[in-house]
Amino acid sequence: EGGYVASERGYLREAGNLVFHLSILVVMAGVAAGSLFGYQGGVIVTVG
């Protein structure tokens, strides 16, 4: 009798979701690296 063609696209939508959630982990890892291996200091210096 014939047949059919099945097709699909849009797989990157779920990839986008996964990348977004992965990015949160990457940001957290960056913040953690700064907190563990970095420092922050302040000083007031008069002009001159």
ModelCIF file with pLDDT and N, C-alpha, C, O atoms, coordinates in Angstrom:
data_MODEL
#
_entry.id   MODEL 
#
_entity.id                         1 
_entity.type                       polymer 
_entity.pdbx_number_of_molecules   1 
#
_entity_poly.entity_id                      1 
_entity_poly.type                           'polypeptide(L)' 
_entity_poly.nstd_linkage                   no 
_entity_poly.nstd_monomer                   no 
_entity_poly.pdbx_seq_one_letter_code       EGGYVASERGYLREAGNLVFHLSILVVMAGVAAGSLFGYQGGVIVTVG 
_entity_poly.pdbx_seq_one_letter_code_can   EGGYVASERGYLREAGNLVFHLSILVVMAGVAAGSLFGYQGGVIVTVG 
_entity_poly.pdbx_strand_id                 A 
#
loop_
_entity_poly_seq.entity_id 
_entity_poly_seq.num 
_entity_poly_seq.mon_id 
_entity_poly_seq.hetero 
1 1  GLU n 
1 2  GLY n 
1 3  GLY n 
1 4  TYR n 
1 5  VAL n 
1 6  ALA n 
1 7  SER n 
1 8  GLU n 
1 9  ARG n 
1 10 GLY n 
1 11 TYR n 
1 12 LEU n 
1 13 ARG n 
1 14 GLU n 
1 15 ALA n 
1 16 GLY n 
1 17 ASN n 
1 18 LEU n 
1 19 VAL n 
1 20 PHE n 
1 21 HIS n 
1 22 LEU n 
1 23 SER n 
1 24 ILE n 
1 25 LEU n 
1 26 VAL n 
1 27 VAL n 
1 28 MET n 
1 29 ALA n 
1 30 GLY n 
1 31 VAL n 
1 32 ALA n 
1 33 ALA n 
1 34 GLY n 
1 35 SER n 
1 36 LEU n 
1 37 PHE n 
1 38 GLY n 
1 39 TYR n 
1 40 GLN n 
1 41 GLY n 
1 42 GLY n 
1 43 VAL n 
1 44 ILE n 
1 45 VAL n 
1 46 THR n 
1 47 VAL n 
1 48 GLY n 
#
_struct_asym.id          A 
_struct_asym.entity_id   1 
#
loop_
_ma_qa_metric.id 
_ma_qa_metric.mode 
_ma_qa_metric.name 
_ma_qa_metric.software_group_id 
_ma_qa_metric.type 
1 global pLDDT . pLDDT 
2 local  pLDDT . pLDDT 
#
_ma_qa_metric_global.metric_id      1 
_ma_qa_metric_global.metric_value   89.12 
_ma_qa_metric_global.model_id       1 
_ma_qa_metric_global.ordinal_id     1 
#
loop_
_ma_qa_metric_local.label_asym_id 
_ma_qa_metric_local.label_comp_id 
_ma_qa_metric_local.label_seq_id 
_ma_qa_metric_local.metric_id 
_ma_qa_metric_local.metric_value 
_ma_qa_metric_local.model_id 
_ma_qa_metric_local.ordinal_id 
A GLU 1  2 75.00 1 1  
A GLY 2  2 89.00 1 2  
A GLY 3  2 93.00 1 3  
A TYR 4  2 94.00 1 4  
A VAL 5  2 95.00 1 5  
A ALA 6  2 94.00 1 6  
A SER 7  2 94.00 1 7  
A GLU 8  2 92.00 1 8  
A ARG 9  2 90.00 1 9  
A GLY 10 2 86.00 1 10 
A TYR 11 2 83.00 1 11 
A LEU 12 2 83.00 1 12 
A ARG 13 2 84.00 1 13 
A GLU 14 2 83.00 1 14 
A ALA 15 2 86.00 1 15 
A GLY 16 2 86.00 1 16 
A ASN 17 2 84.00 1 17 
A LEU 18 2 87.00 1 18 
A VAL 19 2 90.00 1 19 
A PHE 20 2 88.00 1 20 
A HIS 21 2 85.00 1 21 
A LEU 22 2 90.00 1 22 
A SER 23 2 91.00 1 23 
A ILE 24 2 87.00 1 24 
A LEU 25 2 89.00 1 25 
A VAL 26 2 92.00 1 26 
A VAL 27 2 91.00 1 27 
A MET 28 2 88.00 1 28 
A ALA 29 2 90.00 1 29 
A GLY 30 2 91.00 1 30 
A VAL 31 2 87.00 1 31 
A ALA 32 2 87.00 1 32 
A ALA 33 2 90.00 1 33 
A GLY 34 2 87.00 1 34 
A SER 35 2 84.00 1 35 
A LEU 36 2 88.00 1 36 
A PHE 37 2 92.00 1 37 
A GLY 38 2 91.00 1 38 
A TYR 39 2 91.00 1 39 
A GLN 40 2 89.00 1 40 
A GLY 41 2 89.00 1 41 
A GLY 42 2 89.00 1 42 
A VAL 43 2 92.00 1 43 
A ILE 44 2 93.00 1 44 
A VAL 45 2 95.00 1 45 
A THR 46 2 95.00 1 46 
A VAL 47 2 95.00 1 47 
A GLY 48 2 94.00 1 48 
#
loop_
_atom_site.group_PDB 
_atom_site.id 
_atom_site.type_symbol 
_atom_site.label_atom_id 
_atom_site.label_alt_id 
_atom_site.label_comp_id 
_atom_site.label_asym_id 
_atom_site.label_entity_id 
_atom_site.label_seq_id 
_atom_site.pdbx_PDB_ins_code 
_atom_site.Cartn_x 
_atom_site.Cartn_y 
_atom_site.Cartn_z 
_atom_site.occupancy 
_atom_site.B_iso_or_equiv 
_atom_site.pdbx_formal_charge 
_atom_site.auth_seq_id 
_atom_site.auth_comp_id 
_atom_site.auth_asym_id 
_atom_site.auth_atom_id 
_atom_site.pdbx_PDB_model_num 
ATOM 1   N N  . GLU A 1 1  ? 0.813  -1.215 0.000  1.00 75.00 ? 1  GLU A N  1 
ATOM 2   C CA . GLU A 1 1  ? 0.000  0.000  0.000  1.00 75.00 ? 1  GLU A CA 1 
ATOM 3   C C  . GLU A 1 1  ? 0.851  1.272  0.000  1.00 75.00 ? 1  GLU A C  1 
ATOM 4   O O  . GLU A 1 1  ? 0.359  2.323  -0.411 1.00 75.00 ? 1  GLU A O  1 
ATOM 5   N N  . GLY A 1 2  ? 2.084  1.214  0.437  1.00 89.00 ? 2  GLY A N  1 
ATOM 6   C CA . GLY A 1 2  ? 2.916  2.408  0.475  1.00 89.00 ? 2  GLY A CA 1 
ATOM 7   C C  . GLY A 1 2  ? 3.778  2.428  1.728  1.00 89.00 ? 2  GLY A C  1 
ATOM 8   O O  . GLY A 1 2  ? 4.286  1.393  2.158  1.00 89.00 ? 2  GLY A O  1 
ATOM 9   N N  . GLY A 1 3  ? 3.939  3.601  2.306  1.00 93.00 ? 3  GLY A N  1 
ATOM 10  C CA . GLY A 1 3  ? 4.762  3.736  3.497  1.00 93.00 ? 3  GLY A CA 1 
ATOM 11  C C  . GLY A 1 3  ? 4.726  5.168  4.007  1.00 93.00 ? 3  GLY A C  1 
ATOM 12  O O  . GLY A 1 3  ? 3.890  5.967  3.586  1.00 93.00 ? 3  GLY A O  1 
ATOM 13  N N  . TYR A 1 4  ? 5.631  5.479  4.907  1.00 94.00 ? 4  TYR A N  1 
ATOM 14  C CA . TYR A 1 4  ? 5.664  6.854  5.442  1.00 94.00 ? 4  TYR A CA 1 
ATOM 15  C C  . TYR A 1 4  ? 7.086  7.205  5.860  1.00 94.00 ? 4  TYR A C  1 
ATOM 16  O O  . TYR A 1 4  ? 7.937  6.338  6.060  1.00 94.00 ? 4  TYR A O  1 
ATOM 17  N N  . VAL A 1 5  ? 7.305  8.489  5.983  1.00 95.00 ? 5  VAL A N  1 
ATOM 18  C CA . VAL A 1 5  ? 8.568  9.022  6.494  1.00 95.00 ? 5  VAL A CA 1 
ATOM 19  C C  . VAL A 1 5  ? 8.275  9.683  7.838  1.00 95.00 ? 5  VAL A C  1 
ATOM 20  O O  . VAL A 1 5  ? 7.444  10.585 7.937  1.00 95.00 ? 5  VAL A O  1 
ATOM 21  N N  . ALA A 1 6  ? 8.970  9.216  8.861  1.00 94.00 ? 6  ALA A N  1 
ATOM 22  C CA . ALA A 1 6  ? 8.875  9.839  10.190 1.00 94.00 ? 6  ALA A CA 1 
ATOM 23  C C  . ALA A 1 6  ? 10.089 10.740 10.378 1.00 94.00 ? 6  ALA A C  1 
ATOM 24  O O  . ALA A 1 6  ? 11.213 10.353 10.055 1.00 94.00 ? 6  ALA A O  1 
ATOM 25  N N  . SER A 1 7  ? 9.865  11.918 10.890 1.00 94.00 ? 7  SER A N  1 
ATOM 26  C CA . SER A 1 7  ? 10.979 12.861 11.064 1.00 94.00 ? 7  SER A CA 1 
ATOM 27  C C  . SER A 1 7  ? 10.795 13.635 12.365 1.00 94.00 ? 7  SER A C  1 
ATOM 28  O O  . SER A 1 7  ? 9.688  13.803 12.876 1.00 94.00 ? 7  SER A O  1 
ATOM 29  N N  . GLU A 1 8  ? 11.916 14.088 12.865 1.00 92.00 ? 8  GLU A N  1 
ATOM 30  C CA . GLU A 1 8  ? 11.899 14.827 14.133 1.00 92.00 ? 8  GLU A CA 1 
ATOM 31  C C  . GLU A 1 8  ? 13.093 15.774 14.170 1.00 92.00 ? 8  GLU A C  1 
ATOM 32  O O  . GLU A 1 8  ? 14.157 15.470 13.631 1.00 92.00 ? 8  GLU A O  1 
ATOM 33  N N  . ARG A 1 9  ? 12.904 16.915 14.807 1.00 90.00 ? 9  ARG A N  1 
ATOM 34  C CA . ARG A 1 9  ? 14.007 17.841 15.032 1.00 90.00 ? 9  ARG A CA 1 
ATOM 35  C C  . ARG A 1 9  ? 13.723 18.629 16.323 1.00 90.00 ? 9  ARG A C  1 
ATOM 36  O O  . ARG A 1 9  ? 12.628 18.569 16.881 1.00 90.00 ? 9  ARG A O  1 
ATOM 37  N N  . GLY A 1 10 ? 14.748 19.368 16.776 1.00 86.00 ? 10 GLY A N  1 
ATOM 38  C CA . GLY A 1 10 ? 14.591 20.142 18.002 1.00 86.00 ? 10 GLY A CA 1 
ATOM 39  C C  . GLY A 1 10 ? 15.264 19.498 19.202 1.00 86.00 ? 10 GLY A C  1 
ATOM 40  O O  . GLY A 1 10 ? 14.941 19.821 20.345 1.00 86.00 ? 10 GLY A O  1 
ATOM 41  N N  . TYR A 1 11 ? 16.205 18.583 18.947 1.00 83.00 ? 11 TYR A N  1 
ATOM 42  C CA . TYR A 1 11 ? 16.886 17.915 20.059 1.00 83.00 ? 11 TYR A CA 1 
ATOM 43  C C  . TYR A 1 11 ? 17.742 18.886 20.885 1.00 83.00 ? 11 TYR A C  1 
ATOM 44  O O  . TYR A 1 11 ? 18.050 18.618 22.046 1.00 83.00 ? 11 TYR A O  1 
ATOM 45  N N  . LEU A 1 12 ? 18.117 20.003 20.278 1.00 83.00 ? 12 LEU A N  1 
ATOM 46  C CA . LEU A 1 12 ? 18.962 20.953 21.008 1.00 83.00 ? 12 LEU A CA 1 
ATOM 47  C C  . LEU A 1 12 ? 18.208 21.669 22.128 1.00 83.00 ? 12 LEU A C  1 
ATOM 48  O O  . LEU A 1 12 ? 18.821 22.303 22.987 1.00 83.00 ? 12 LEU A O  1 
ATOM 49  N N  . ARG A 1 13 ? 16.878 21.565 22.117 1.00 84.00 ? 13 ARG A N  1 
ATOM 50  C CA . ARG A 1 13 ? 16.132 22.194 23.215 1.00 84.00 ? 13 ARG A CA 1 
ATOM 51  C C  . ARG A 1 13 ? 16.493 21.534 24.542 1.00 84.00 ? 13 ARG A C  1 
ATOM 52  O O  . ARG A 1 13 ? 16.779 22.219 25.524 1.00 84.00 ? 13 ARG A O  1 
ATOM 53  N N  . GLU A 1 14 ? 16.478 20.209 24.568 1.00 83.00 ? 14 GLU A N  1 
ATOM 54  C CA . GLU A 1 14 ? 16.845 19.507 25.790 1.00 83.00 ? 14 GLU A CA 1 
ATOM 55  C C  . GLU A 1 14 ? 18.324 19.712 26.091 1.00 83.00 ? 14 GLU A C  1 
ATOM 56  O O  . GLU A 1 14 ? 18.723 19.796 27.252 1.00 83.00 ? 14 GLU A O  1 
ATOM 57  N N  . ALA A 1 15 ? 19.144 19.794 25.027 1.00 86.00 ? 15 ALA A N  1 
ATOM 58  C CA . ALA A 1 15 ? 20.561 20.090 25.248 1.00 86.00 ? 15 ALA A CA 1 
ATOM 59  C C  . ALA A 1 15 ? 20.719 21.458 25.904 1.00 86.00 ? 15 ALA A C  1 
ATOM 60  O O  . ALA A 1 15 ? 21.577 21.647 26.766 1.00 86.00 ? 15 ALA A O  1 
ATOM 61  N N  . GLY A 1 16 ? 19.877 22.418 25.483 1.00 86.00 ? 16 GLY A N  1 
ATOM 62  C CA . GLY A 1 16 ? 19.918 23.743 26.107 1.00 86.00 ? 16 GLY A CA 1 
ATOM 63  C C  . GLY A 1 16 ? 19.580 23.677 27.581 1.00 86.00 ? 16 GLY A C  1 
ATOM 64  O O  . GLY A 1 16 ? 20.217 24.343 28.397 1.00 86.00 ? 16 GLY A O  1 
ATOM 65  N N  . ASN A 1 17 ? 18.577 22.875 27.931 1.00 84.00 ? 17 ASN A N  1 
ATOM 66  C CA . ASN A 1 17 ? 18.217 22.708 29.339 1.00 84.00 ? 17 ASN A CA 1 
ATOM 67  C C  . ASN A 1 17 ? 19.375 22.119 30.132 1.00 84.00 ? 17 ASN A C  1 
ATOM 68  O O  . ASN A 1 17 ? 19.692 22.573 31.231 1.00 84.00 ? 17 ASN A O  1 
ATOM 69  N N  . LEU A 1 18 ? 20.003 21.091 29.549 1.00 87.00 ? 18 LEU A N  1 
ATOM 70  C CA . LEU A 1 18 ? 21.121 20.444 30.237 1.00 87.00 ? 18 LEU A CA 1 
ATOM 71  C C  . LEU A 1 18 ? 22.306 21.403 30.382 1.00 87.00 ? 18 LEU A C  1 
ATOM 72  O O  . LEU A 1 18 ? 22.953 21.444 31.428 1.00 87.00 ? 18 LEU A O  1 
ATOM 73  N N  . VAL A 1 19 ? 22.584 22.172 29.322 1.00 90.00 ? 19 VAL A N  1 
ATOM 74  C CA . VAL A 1 19 ? 23.691 23.135 29.380 1.00 90.00 ? 19 VAL A CA 1 
ATOM 75  C C  . VAL A 1 19 ? 23.419 24.191 30.441 1.00 90.00 ? 19 VAL A C  1 
ATOM 76  O O  . VAL A 1 19 ? 24.332 24.602 31.158 1.00 90.00 ? 19 VAL A O  1 
ATOM 77  N N  . PHE A 1 20 ? 22.160 24.634 30.547 1.00 88.00 ? 20 PHE A N  1 
ATOM 78  C CA . PHE A 1 20 ? 21.823 25.641 31.551 1.00 88.00 ? 20 PHE A CA 1 
ATOM 79  C C  . PHE A 1 20 ? 22.074 25.103 32.957 1.00 88.00 ? 20 PHE A C  1 
ATOM 80  O O  . PHE A 1 20 ? 22.674 25.788 33.786 1.00 88.00 ? 20 PHE A O  1 
ATOM 81  N N  . HIS A 1 21 ? 21.619 23.883 33.228 1.00 85.00 ? 21 HIS A N  1 
ATOM 82  C CA . HIS A 1 21 ? 21.836 23.315 34.557 1.00 85.00 ? 21 HIS A CA 1 
ATOM 83  C C  . HIS A 1 21 ? 23.323 23.046 34.804 1.00 85.00 ? 21 HIS A C  1 
ATOM 84  O O  . HIS A 1 21 ? 23.818 23.218 35.918 1.00 85.00 ? 21 HIS A O  1 
ATOM 85  N N  . LEU A 1 22 ? 24.024 22.623 33.756 1.00 90.00 ? 22 LEU A N  1 
ATOM 86  C CA . LEU A 1 22 ? 25.465 22.418 33.893 1.00 90.00 ? 22 LEU A CA 1 
ATOM 87  C C  . LEU A 1 22 ? 26.170 23.741 34.177 1.00 90.00 ? 22 LEU A C  1 
ATOM 88  O O  . LEU A 1 22 ? 27.138 23.782 34.936 1.00 90.00 ? 22 LEU A O  1 
ATOM 89  N N  . SER A 1 23 ? 25.684 24.822 33.564 1.00 91.00 ? 23 SER A N  1 
ATOM 90  C CA . SER A 1 23 ? 26.317 26.128 33.764 1.00 91.00 ? 23 SER A CA 1 
ATOM 91  C C  . SER A 1 23 ? 26.233 26.571 35.221 1.00 91.00 ? 23 SER A C  1 
ATOM 92  O O  . SER A 1 23 ? 27.137 27.244 35.718 1.00 91.00 ? 23 SER A O  1 
ATOM 93  N N  . ILE A 1 24 ? 25.157 26.199 35.906 1.00 87.00 ? 24 ILE A N  1 
ATOM 94  C CA . ILE A 1 24 ? 25.049 26.550 37.323 1.00 87.00 ? 24 ILE A CA 1 
ATOM 95  C C  . ILE A 1 24 ? 26.173 25.884 38.103 1.00 87.00 ? 24 ILE A C  1 
ATOM 96  O O  . ILE A 1 24 ? 26.774 26.496 38.986 1.00 87.00 ? 24 ILE A O  1 
ATOM 97  N N  . LEU A 1 25 ? 26.451 24.630 37.774 1.00 89.00 ? 25 LEU A N  1 
ATOM 98  C CA . LEU A 1 25 ? 27.558 23.928 38.424 1.00 89.00 ? 25 LEU A CA 1 
ATOM 99  C C  . LEU A 1 25 ? 28.893 24.595 38.105 1.00 89.00 ? 25 LEU A C  1 
ATOM 100 O O  . LEU A 1 25 ? 29.761 24.705 38.970 1.00 89.00 ? 25 LEU A O  1 
ATOM 101 N N  . VAL A 1 26 ? 29.052 25.039 36.855 1.00 92.00 ? 26 VAL A N  1 
ATOM 102 C CA . VAL A 1 26 ? 30.304 25.693 36.461 1.00 92.00 ? 26 VAL A CA 1 
ATOM 103 C C  . VAL A 1 26 ? 30.483 26.993 37.233 1.00 92.00 ? 26 VAL A C  1 
ATOM 104 O O  . VAL A 1 26 ? 31.573 27.280 37.728 1.00 92.00 ? 26 VAL A O  1 
ATOM 105 N N  . VAL A 1 27 ? 29.411 27.783 37.338 1.00 91.00 ? 27 VAL A N  1 
ATOM 106 C CA . VAL A 1 27 ? 29.492 29.041 38.101 1.00 91.00 ? 27 VAL A CA 1 
ATOM 107 C C  . VAL A 1 27 ? 29.829 28.754 39.559 1.00 91.00 ? 27 VAL A C  1 
ATOM 108 O O  . VAL A 1 27 ? 30.673 29.427 40.151 1.00 91.00 ? 27 VAL A O  1 
ATOM 109 N N  . MET A 1 28 ? 29.166 27.752 40.137 1.00 88.00 ? 28 MET A N  1 
ATOM 110 C CA . MET A 1 28 ? 29.433 27.402 41.531 1.00 88.00 ? 28 MET A CA 1 
ATOM 111 C C  . MET A 1 28 ? 30.874 26.942 41.713 1.00 88.00 ? 28 MET A C  1 
ATOM 112 O O  . MET A 1 28 ? 31.508 27.254 42.721 1.00 88.00 ? 28 MET A O  1 
ATOM 113 N N  . ALA A 1 29 ? 31.392 26.196 40.733 1.00 90.00 ? 29 ALA A N  1 
ATOM 114 C CA . ALA A 1 29 ? 32.787 25.747 40.814 1.00 90.00 ? 29 ALA A CA 1 
ATOM 115 C C  . ALA A 1 29 ? 33.742 26.934 40.749 1.00 90.00 ? 29 ALA A C  1 
ATOM 116 O O  . ALA A 1 29 ? 34.745 26.970 41.461 1.00 90.00 ? 29 ALA A O  1 
ATOM 117 N N  . GLY A 1 30 ? 33.419 27.922 39.876 1.00 91.00 ? 30 GLY A N  1 
ATOM 118 C CA . GLY A 1 30 ? 34.258 29.108 39.788 1.00 91.00 ? 30 GLY A CA 1 
ATOM 119 C C  . GLY A 1 30 ? 34.257 29.916 41.072 1.00 91.00 ? 30 GLY A C  1 
ATOM 120 O O  . GLY A 1 30 ? 35.299 30.388 41.526 1.00 91.00 ? 30 GLY A O  1 
ATOM 121 N N  . VAL A 1 31 ? 33.058 30.072 41.658 1.00 87.00 ? 31 VAL A N  1 
ATOM 122 C CA . VAL A 1 31 ? 32.962 30.806 42.926 1.00 87.00 ? 31 VAL A CA 1 
ATOM 123 C C  . VAL A 1 31 ? 33.710 30.063 44.029 1.00 87.00 ? 31 VAL A C  1 
ATOM 124 O O  . VAL A 1 31 ? 34.403 30.676 44.842 1.00 87.00 ? 31 VAL A O  1 
ATOM 125 N N  . ALA A 1 32 ? 33.565 28.740 44.049 1.00 87.00 ? 32 ALA A N  1 
ATOM 126 C CA . ALA A 1 32 ? 34.261 27.956 45.067 1.00 87.00 ? 32 ALA A CA 1 
ATOM 127 C C  . ALA A 1 32 ? 35.776 28.056 44.911 1.00 87.00 ? 32 ALA A C  1 
ATOM 128 O O  . ALA A 1 32 ? 36.503 28.145 45.900 1.00 87.00 ? 32 ALA A O  1 
ATOM 129 N N  . ALA A 1 33 ? 36.253 28.040 43.656 1.00 90.00 ? 33 ALA A N  1 
ATOM 130 C CA . ALA A 1 33 ? 37.705 28.158 43.426 1.00 90.00 ? 33 ALA A CA 1 
ATOM 131 C C  . ALA A 1 33 ? 38.218 29.504 43.927 1.00 90.00 ? 33 ALA A C  1 
ATOM 132 O O  . ALA A 1 33 ? 39.286 29.586 44.533 1.00 90.00 ? 33 ALA A O  1 
ATOM 133 N N  . GLY A 1 34 ? 37.435 30.569 43.666 1.00 87.00 ? 34 GLY A N  1 
ATOM 134 C CA . GLY A 1 34 ? 37.845 31.874 44.152 1.00 87.00 ? 34 GLY A CA 1 
ATOM 135 C C  . GLY A 1 34 ? 37.859 31.957 45.667 1.00 87.00 ? 34 GLY A C  1 
ATOM 136 O O  . GLY A 1 34 ? 38.737 32.587 46.256 1.00 87.00 ? 34 GLY A O  1 
ATOM 137 N N  . SER A 1 35 ? 36.872 31.313 46.300 1.00 84.00 ? 35 SER A N  1 
ATOM 138 C CA . SER A 1 35 ? 36.792 31.341 47.760 1.00 84.00 ? 35 SER A CA 1 
ATOM 139 C C  . SER A 1 35 ? 37.907 30.525 48.410 1.00 84.00 ? 35 SER A C  1 
ATOM 140 O O  . SER A 1 35 ? 38.396 30.877 49.484 1.00 84.00 ? 35 SER A O  1 
ATOM 141 N N  . LEU A 1 36 ? 38.305 29.438 47.760 1.00 88.00 ? 36 LEU A N  1 
ATOM 142 C CA . LEU A 1 36 ? 39.309 28.558 48.348 1.00 88.00 ? 36 LEU A CA 1 
ATOM 143 C C  . LEU A 1 36 ? 40.736 29.029 48.070 1.00 88.00 ? 36 LEU A C  1 
ATOM 144 O O  . LEU A 1 36 ? 41.591 28.994 48.954 1.00 88.00 ? 36 LEU A O  1 
ATOM 145 N N  . PHE A 1 37 ? 40.986 29.471 46.829 1.00 92.00 ? 37 PHE A N  1 
ATOM 146 C CA . PHE A 1 37 ? 42.365 29.731 46.408 1.00 92.00 ? 37 PHE A CA 1 
ATOM 147 C C  . PHE A 1 37 ? 42.662 31.221 46.203 1.00 92.00 ? 37 PHE A C  1 
ATOM 148 O O  . PHE A 1 37 ? 43.783 31.576 45.841 1.00 92.00 ? 37 PHE A O  1 
ATOM 149 N N  . GLY A 1 38 ? 41.692 32.080 46.426 1.00 91.00 ? 38 GLY A N  1 
ATOM 150 C CA . GLY A 1 38 ? 41.912 33.506 46.231 1.00 91.00 ? 38 GLY A CA 1 
ATOM 151 C C  . GLY A 1 38 ? 41.917 34.269 47.538 1.00 91.00 ? 38 GLY A C  1 
ATOM 152 O O  . GLY A 1 38 ? 41.899 33.680 48.619 1.00 91.00 ? 38 GLY A O  1 
ATOM 153 N N  . TYR A 1 39 ? 41.941 35.577 47.428 1.00 91.00 ? 39 TYR A N  1 
ATOM 154 C CA . TYR A 1 39 ? 41.860 36.425 48.618 1.00 91.00 ? 39 TYR A CA 1 
ATOM 155 C C  . TYR A 1 39 ? 41.259 37.762 48.219 1.00 91.00 ? 39 TYR A C  1 
ATOM 156 O O  . TYR A 1 39 ? 41.193 38.105 47.039 1.00 91.00 ? 39 TYR A O  1 
ATOM 157 N N  . GLN A 1 40 ? 40.827 38.501 49.212 1.00 89.00 ? 40 GLN A N  1 
ATOM 158 C CA . GLN A 1 40 ? 40.320 39.848 48.997 1.00 89.00 ? 40 GLN A CA 1 
ATOM 159 C C  . GLN A 1 40 ? 40.764 40.716 50.159 1.00 89.00 ? 40 GLN A C  1 
ATOM 160 O O  . GLN A 1 40 ? 40.594 40.349 51.322 1.00 89.00 ? 40 GLN A O  1 
ATOM 161 N N  . GLY A 1 41 ? 41.329 41.857 49.842 1.00 89.00 ? 41 GLY A N  1 
ATOM 162 C CA . GLY A 1 41 ? 41.799 42.760 50.878 1.00 89.00 ? 41 GLY A CA 1 
ATOM 163 C C  . GLY A 1 41 ? 41.464 44.192 50.531 1.00 89.00 ? 41 GLY A C  1 
ATOM 164 O O  . GLY A 1 41 ? 41.170 44.514 49.380 1.00 89.00 ? 41 GLY A O  1 
ATOM 165 N N  . GLY A 1 42 ? 41.509 45.045 51.531 1.00 89.00 ? 42 GLY A N  1 
ATOM 166 C CA . GLY A 1 42 ? 41.217 46.457 51.327 1.00 89.00 ? 42 GLY A CA 1 
ATOM 167 C C  . GLY A 1 42 ? 42.212 47.326 52.053 1.00 89.00 ? 42 GLY A C  1 
ATOM 168 O O  . GLY A 1 42 ? 42.745 46.950 53.097 1.00 89.00 ? 42 GLY A O  1 
ATOM 169 N N  . VAL A 1 43 ? 42.456 48.490 51.490 1.00 92.00 ? 43 VAL A N  1 
ATOM 170 C CA . VAL A 1 43 ? 43.376 49.435 52.117 1.00 92.00 ? 43 VAL A CA 1 
ATOM 171 C C  . VAL A 1 43 ? 42.957 50.846 51.732 1.00 92.00 ? 43 VAL A C  1 
ATOM 172 O O  . VAL A 1 43 ? 42.540 51.096 50.601 1.00 92.00 ? 43 VAL A O  1 
ATOM 173 N N  . ILE A 1 44 ? 43.070 51.758 52.676 1.00 93.00 ? 44 ILE A N  1 
ATOM 174 C CA . ILE A 1 44 ? 42.828 53.172 52.402 1.00 93.00 ? 44 ILE A CA 1 
ATOM 175 C C  . ILE A 1 44 ? 44.178 53.860 52.265 1.00 93.00 ? 44 ILE A C  1 
ATOM 176 O O  . ILE A 1 44 ? 45.015 53.797 53.165 1.00 93.00 ? 44 ILE A O  1 
ATOM 177 N N  . VAL A 1 45 ? 44.380 54.517 51.130 1.00 95.00 ? 45 VAL A N  1 
ATOM 178 C CA . VAL A 1 45 ? 45.657 55.173 50.831 1.00 95.00 ? 45 VAL A CA 1 
ATOM 179 C C  . VAL A 1 45 ? 45.392 56.653 50.609 1.00 95.00 ? 45 VAL A C  1 
ATOM 180 O O  . VAL A 1 45 ? 44.572 57.021 49.768 1.00 95.00 ? 45 VAL A O  1 
ATOM 181 N N  . THR A 1 46 ? 46.076 57.496 51.353 1.00 95.00 ? 46 THR A N  1 
ATOM 182 C CA . THR A 1 46 ? 45.946 58.934 51.126 1.00 95.00 ? 46 THR A CA 1 
ATOM 183 C C  . THR A 1 46 ? 46.708 59.327 49.864 1.00 95.00 ? 46 THR A C  1 
ATOM 184 O O  . THR A 1 46 ? 47.761 58.772 49.549 1.00 95.00 ? 46 THR A O  1 
ATOM 185 N N  . VAL A 1 47 ? 46.150 60.287 49.164 1.00 95.00 ? 47 VAL A N  1 
ATOM 186 C CA . VAL A 1 47 ? 46.783 60.743 47.927 1.00 95.00 ? 47 VAL A CA 1 
ATOM 187 C C  . VAL A 1 47 ? 48.177 61.284 48.242 1.00 95.00 ? 47 VAL A C  1 
ATOM 188 O O  . VAL A 1 47 ? 48.353 62.128 49.121 1.00 95.00 ? 47 VAL A O  1 
ATOM 189 N N  . GLY A 1 48 ? 49.163 60.774 47.499 1.00 94.00 ? 48 GLY A N  1 
ATOM 190 C CA . GLY A 1 48 ? 50.555 61.135 47.745 1.00 94.00 ? 48 GLY A CA 1 
ATOM 191 C C  . GLY A 1 48 ? 51.324 60.034 48.440 1.00 94.00 ? 48 GLY A C  1 
ATOM 192 O O  . GLY A 1 48 ? 52.514 60.191 48.715 1.00 94.00 ? 48 GLY A O  1 
#
